[in-house]
Structure formats: structure tokens, C-alpha cells
Amino acid sequence: MIMRPGQALLLPANPVFIWSTLFCALLLNMLLHIGLTGRSPWVPDLLALTLVFWSIHQPLRVGVGVGFAFGLLLDVHQGAVLGQHALAYT
């Protein structure tokens, strides 16, 4: 079946691609935190931006629970108060 060009945006994203972008954003956040002493104000929170994008684009696949889980992973990595990023990402 041939689709019109406007309908290509209605196709759902591949779940493997969604999860790989989330894990890449998590790894980039971890590397930026290790490379910079403290959190610089001009470095964006890439994981938060990725979570916002996927929760708007695919709300049935990425929701509050995914943001909470990735926030807990970031809390454990940074040694922050457990739940600080988790509550910020929900």
C-alpha cells in the first residue's frame, strides 16, 4: 500500500529505538556529570529533554514510570538524595 507523505508521521516509533535513545541520553548525562565538576548551568539535562520528547510523541510507551525509573538510576549514579531526580522527571 502506498502512503501519502503526510501519513508517514502517524507511524509508531520502534520500541528499540525509543529505549536506545533513552539509554544514550542517560549515558551522556553520566559522562557530562563525570567530566564536569558539579552541574554547569549551561549544560542541558539531555535525559529530561529526551523523556519530554518521547512522552509527548509516544505517550503509551514512555510515561511517568519510565521517567521515575531513569531518575532513580541517575540518583544512584550521582550519589544524590534518592528520589531527587526521580521526582523531577515525573
N, C-alpha and C. Protein backbone atom coordinates (compact mmCIF):
# COMPACT_ATOMS: atom_id res chain seq x y z
N MET A 1 0.84 -1.17 0.00
CA MET A 1 0.00 0.00 0.00
C MET A 1 0.88 1.24 0.00
N ILE A 2 0.61 2.14 -0.88
CA ILE A 2 1.38 3.37 -0.97
C ILE A 2 0.72 4.41 -0.08
N MET A 3 1.54 5.01 0.79
CA MET A 3 1.02 6.01 1.72
C MET A 3 1.34 7.41 1.20
N ARG A 4 0.48 8.31 1.53
CA ARG A 4 0.74 9.70 1.21
C ARG A 4 1.85 10.22 2.13
N PRO A 5 2.59 11.25 1.71
CA PRO A 5 3.71 11.73 2.52
C PRO A 5 3.30 12.22 3.91
N GLY A 6 2.12 12.76 4.08
CA GLY A 6 1.68 13.25 5.38
C GLY A 6 1.37 12.15 6.37
N GLN A 7 1.12 10.95 5.91
CA GLN A 7 0.77 9.86 6.81
C GLN A 7 1.99 9.18 7.42
N ALA A 8 3.16 9.45 6.94
CA ALA A 8 4.36 8.80 7.48
C ALA A 8 4.60 9.21 8.93
N LEU A 9 4.14 10.38 9.34
CA LEU A 9 4.33 10.82 10.71
C LEU A 9 3.43 10.08 11.68
N LEU A 10 2.40 9.42 11.20
CA LEU A 10 1.48 8.72 12.08
C LEU A 10 1.96 7.32 12.46
N LEU A 11 3.03 6.86 11.85
CA LEU A 11 3.55 5.54 12.17
C LEU A 11 4.19 5.55 13.55
N PRO A 12 3.99 4.50 14.36
CA PRO A 12 4.61 4.47 15.68
C PRO A 12 6.11 4.23 15.57
N ALA A 13 6.83 4.73 16.55
CA ALA A 13 8.28 4.54 16.57
C ALA A 13 8.62 3.14 17.07
N ASN A 14 9.74 2.64 16.63
CA ASN A 14 10.21 1.33 17.05
C ASN A 14 10.60 1.39 18.53
N PRO A 15 10.11 0.46 19.37
CA PRO A 15 10.45 0.49 20.79
C PRO A 15 11.95 0.36 21.06
N VAL A 16 12.65 -0.36 20.22
CA VAL A 16 14.10 -0.49 20.40
C VAL A 16 14.77 0.87 20.21
N PHE A 17 14.30 1.63 19.25
CA PHE A 17 14.85 2.97 19.02
C PHE A 17 14.54 3.90 20.19
N ILE A 18 13.34 3.80 20.73
CA ILE A 18 12.97 4.64 21.88
C ILE A 18 13.88 4.35 23.06
N TRP A 19 14.03 3.07 23.40
CA TRP A 19 14.85 2.71 24.56
C TRP A 19 16.33 3.01 24.33
N SER A 20 16.80 2.85 23.10
CA SER A 20 18.21 3.16 22.84
C SER A 20 18.48 4.65 22.97
N THR A 21 17.55 5.50 22.54
CA THR A 21 17.76 6.94 22.71
C THR A 21 17.71 7.33 24.18
N LEU A 22 16.85 6.68 24.95
CA LEU A 22 16.79 6.98 26.38
C LEU A 22 18.08 6.56 27.09
N PHE A 23 18.60 5.38 26.76
CA PHE A 23 19.84 4.94 27.39
C PHE A 23 21.03 5.77 26.93
N CYS A 24 21.04 6.21 25.68
CA CYS A 24 22.11 7.09 25.21
C CYS A 24 22.07 8.43 25.94
N ALA A 25 20.89 8.95 26.16
CA ALA A 25 20.76 10.21 26.90
C ALA A 25 21.21 10.03 28.34
N LEU A 26 20.89 8.88 28.94
CA LEU A 26 21.34 8.59 30.31
C LEU A 26 22.86 8.51 30.36
N LEU A 27 23.47 7.83 29.41
CA LEU A 27 24.93 7.72 29.38
C LEU A 27 25.59 9.08 29.16
N LEU A 28 25.01 9.90 28.29
CA LEU A 28 25.57 11.23 28.08
C LEU A 28 25.45 12.09 29.33
N ASN A 29 24.35 11.97 30.05
CA ASN A 29 24.21 12.70 31.31
C ASN A 29 25.26 12.25 32.31
N MET A 30 25.50 10.93 32.36
CA MET A 30 26.50 10.41 33.29
C MET A 30 27.90 10.88 32.91
N LEU A 31 28.22 10.87 31.62
CA LEU A 31 29.54 11.31 31.18
C LEU A 31 29.74 12.80 31.41
N LEU A 32 28.71 13.60 31.19
CA LEU A 32 28.82 15.03 31.44
C LEU A 32 28.97 15.32 32.92
N HIS A 33 28.34 14.52 33.76
CA HIS A 33 28.46 14.72 35.21
C HIS A 33 29.86 14.35 35.69
N ILE A 34 30.45 13.31 35.10
CA ILE A 34 31.80 12.91 35.48
C ILE A 34 32.81 13.93 34.97
N GLY A 35 32.63 14.39 33.73
CA GLY A 35 33.58 15.31 33.12
C GLY A 35 33.58 16.69 33.74
N LEU A 36 32.45 17.14 34.19
CA LEU A 36 32.34 18.47 34.78
C LEU A 36 32.22 18.34 36.29
N THR A 37 32.94 19.16 37.01
CA THR A 37 32.81 19.15 38.46
C THR A 37 31.57 19.94 38.82
N GLY A 38 30.60 19.27 39.36
CA GLY A 38 29.33 19.93 39.64
C GLY A 38 28.50 20.04 38.38
N ARG A 39 27.38 20.63 38.48
CA ARG A 39 26.48 20.77 37.33
C ARG A 39 26.59 22.19 36.81
N SER A 40 27.07 22.34 35.60
CA SER A 40 27.20 23.66 35.00
C SER A 40 25.83 24.16 34.54
N PRO A 41 25.57 25.44 34.65
CA PRO A 41 24.25 25.94 34.28
C PRO A 41 23.99 25.93 32.78
N TRP A 42 25.02 25.89 31.95
CA TRP A 42 24.80 25.94 30.51
C TRP A 42 24.74 24.56 29.86
N VAL A 43 24.87 23.50 30.64
CA VAL A 43 24.76 22.14 30.11
C VAL A 43 23.31 21.67 30.29
N PRO A 44 22.61 21.36 29.20
CA PRO A 44 21.21 20.94 29.34
C PRO A 44 21.10 19.53 29.90
N ASP A 45 20.00 19.25 30.51
CA ASP A 45 19.71 17.91 31.02
C ASP A 45 19.16 17.10 29.85
N LEU A 46 20.04 16.35 29.21
CA LEU A 46 19.66 15.63 27.99
C LEU A 46 18.63 14.55 28.25
N LEU A 47 18.72 13.91 29.39
CA LEU A 47 17.75 12.86 29.72
C LEU A 47 16.36 13.45 29.89
N ALA A 48 16.26 14.60 30.54
CA ALA A 48 14.96 15.23 30.71
C ALA A 48 14.37 15.66 29.37
N LEU A 49 15.20 16.18 28.49
CA LEU A 49 14.72 16.58 27.17
C LEU A 49 14.25 15.38 26.36
N THR A 50 14.98 14.27 26.46
CA THR A 50 14.60 13.06 25.74
C THR A 50 13.31 12.48 26.30
N LEU A 51 13.17 12.48 27.62
CA LEU A 51 11.94 11.98 28.23
C LEU A 51 10.74 12.83 27.85
N VAL A 52 10.91 14.13 27.81
CA VAL A 52 9.80 15.01 27.42
C VAL A 52 9.41 14.75 25.97
N PHE A 53 10.41 14.60 25.09
CA PHE A 53 10.10 14.35 23.69
C PHE A 53 9.32 13.06 23.52
N TRP A 54 9.81 11.96 24.12
CA TRP A 54 9.14 10.67 23.91
C TRP A 54 7.80 10.59 24.62
N SER A 55 7.65 11.28 25.74
CA SER A 55 6.35 11.25 26.42
C SER A 55 5.30 12.05 25.65
N ILE A 56 5.72 13.03 24.88
CA ILE A 56 4.77 13.75 24.02
C ILE A 56 4.52 12.98 22.73
N HIS A 57 5.57 12.42 22.15
CA HIS A 57 5.45 11.74 20.86
C HIS A 57 4.82 10.35 20.99
N GLN A 58 5.17 9.59 22.01
CA GLN A 58 4.66 8.23 22.22
C GLN A 58 4.22 8.08 23.68
N PRO A 59 3.10 8.66 24.07
CA PRO A 59 2.71 8.64 25.48
C PRO A 59 2.34 7.25 26.01
N LEU A 60 1.99 6.33 25.14
CA LEU A 60 1.65 4.99 25.62
C LEU A 60 2.88 4.15 25.91
N ARG A 61 4.01 4.51 25.35
CA ARG A 61 5.24 3.73 25.55
C ARG A 61 6.14 4.33 26.62
N VAL A 62 6.19 5.64 26.72
CA VAL A 62 7.05 6.32 27.69
C VAL A 62 6.16 7.19 28.55
N GLY A 63 6.14 6.87 29.84
CA GLY A 63 5.26 7.60 30.74
C GLY A 63 5.97 7.99 32.03
N VAL A 64 5.18 8.15 33.05
CA VAL A 64 5.68 8.59 34.34
C VAL A 64 6.60 7.54 34.96
N GLY A 65 6.25 6.28 34.82
CA GLY A 65 7.07 5.21 35.40
C GLY A 65 8.46 5.13 34.80
N VAL A 66 8.55 5.36 33.51
CA VAL A 66 9.86 5.34 32.85
C VAL A 66 10.71 6.50 33.34
N GLY A 67 10.12 7.67 33.46
CA GLY A 67 10.84 8.82 33.98
C GLY A 67 11.30 8.61 35.41
N PHE A 68 10.45 7.99 36.23
CA PHE A 68 10.81 7.72 37.61
C PHE A 68 11.97 6.73 37.68
N ALA A 69 11.93 5.68 36.86
CA ALA A 69 13.00 4.68 36.86
C ALA A 69 14.33 5.27 36.41
N PHE A 70 14.31 6.07 35.35
CA PHE A 70 15.55 6.69 34.89
C PHE A 70 16.06 7.72 35.90
N GLY A 71 15.16 8.39 36.59
CA GLY A 71 15.57 9.31 37.65
C GLY A 71 16.24 8.59 38.80
N LEU A 72 15.73 7.41 39.17
CA LEU A 72 16.39 6.63 40.22
C LEU A 72 17.77 6.17 39.78
N LEU A 73 17.91 5.76 38.52
CA LEU A 73 19.23 5.37 38.02
C LEU A 73 20.21 6.53 38.08
N LEU A 74 19.76 7.72 37.74
CA LEU A 74 20.63 8.88 37.79
C LEU A 74 20.96 9.27 39.23
N ASP A 75 20.01 9.10 40.15
CA ASP A 75 20.28 9.37 41.56
C ASP A 75 21.34 8.43 42.11
N VAL A 76 21.24 7.16 41.76
CA VAL A 76 22.22 6.18 42.25
C VAL A 76 23.60 6.49 41.68
N HIS A 77 23.66 6.88 40.43
CA HIS A 77 24.95 7.18 39.81
C HIS A 77 25.60 8.41 40.42
N GLN A 78 24.83 9.46 40.64
CA GLN A 78 25.39 10.72 41.12
C GLN A 78 25.55 10.76 42.63
N GLY A 79 24.99 9.81 43.33
CA GLY A 79 25.08 9.82 44.78
C GLY A 79 24.23 10.91 45.40
N ALA A 80 23.21 11.31 44.71
CA ALA A 80 22.31 12.36 45.21
C ALA A 80 21.28 11.73 46.15
N VAL A 81 20.46 12.58 46.72
CA VAL A 81 19.38 12.10 47.56
C VAL A 81 18.49 11.20 46.71
N LEU A 82 18.22 10.00 47.21
CA LEU A 82 17.46 9.03 46.43
C LEU A 82 16.04 9.55 46.20
N GLY A 83 15.70 9.75 44.96
CA GLY A 83 14.39 10.25 44.59
C GLY A 83 14.39 11.68 44.10
N GLN A 84 15.53 12.35 44.19
CA GLN A 84 15.60 13.75 43.77
C GLN A 84 15.34 13.89 42.27
N HIS A 85 16.09 13.18 41.46
CA HIS A 85 15.86 13.23 40.02
C HIS A 85 14.60 12.46 39.63
N ALA A 86 14.29 11.42 40.39
CA ALA A 86 13.11 10.62 40.08
C ALA A 86 11.84 11.46 40.16
N LEU A 87 11.74 12.29 41.17
CA LEU A 87 10.57 13.16 41.28
C LEU A 87 10.61 14.29 40.26
N ALA A 88 11.80 14.73 39.90
CA ALA A 88 11.91 15.80 38.91
C ALA A 88 11.52 15.32 37.52
N TYR A 89 11.76 14.04 37.22
CA TYR A 89 11.46 13.51 35.89
C TYR A 89 10.04 12.99 35.76
N THR A 90 9.24 12.99 36.82
CA THR A 90 7.86 12.50 36.71
C THR A 90 6.92 13.64 36.40
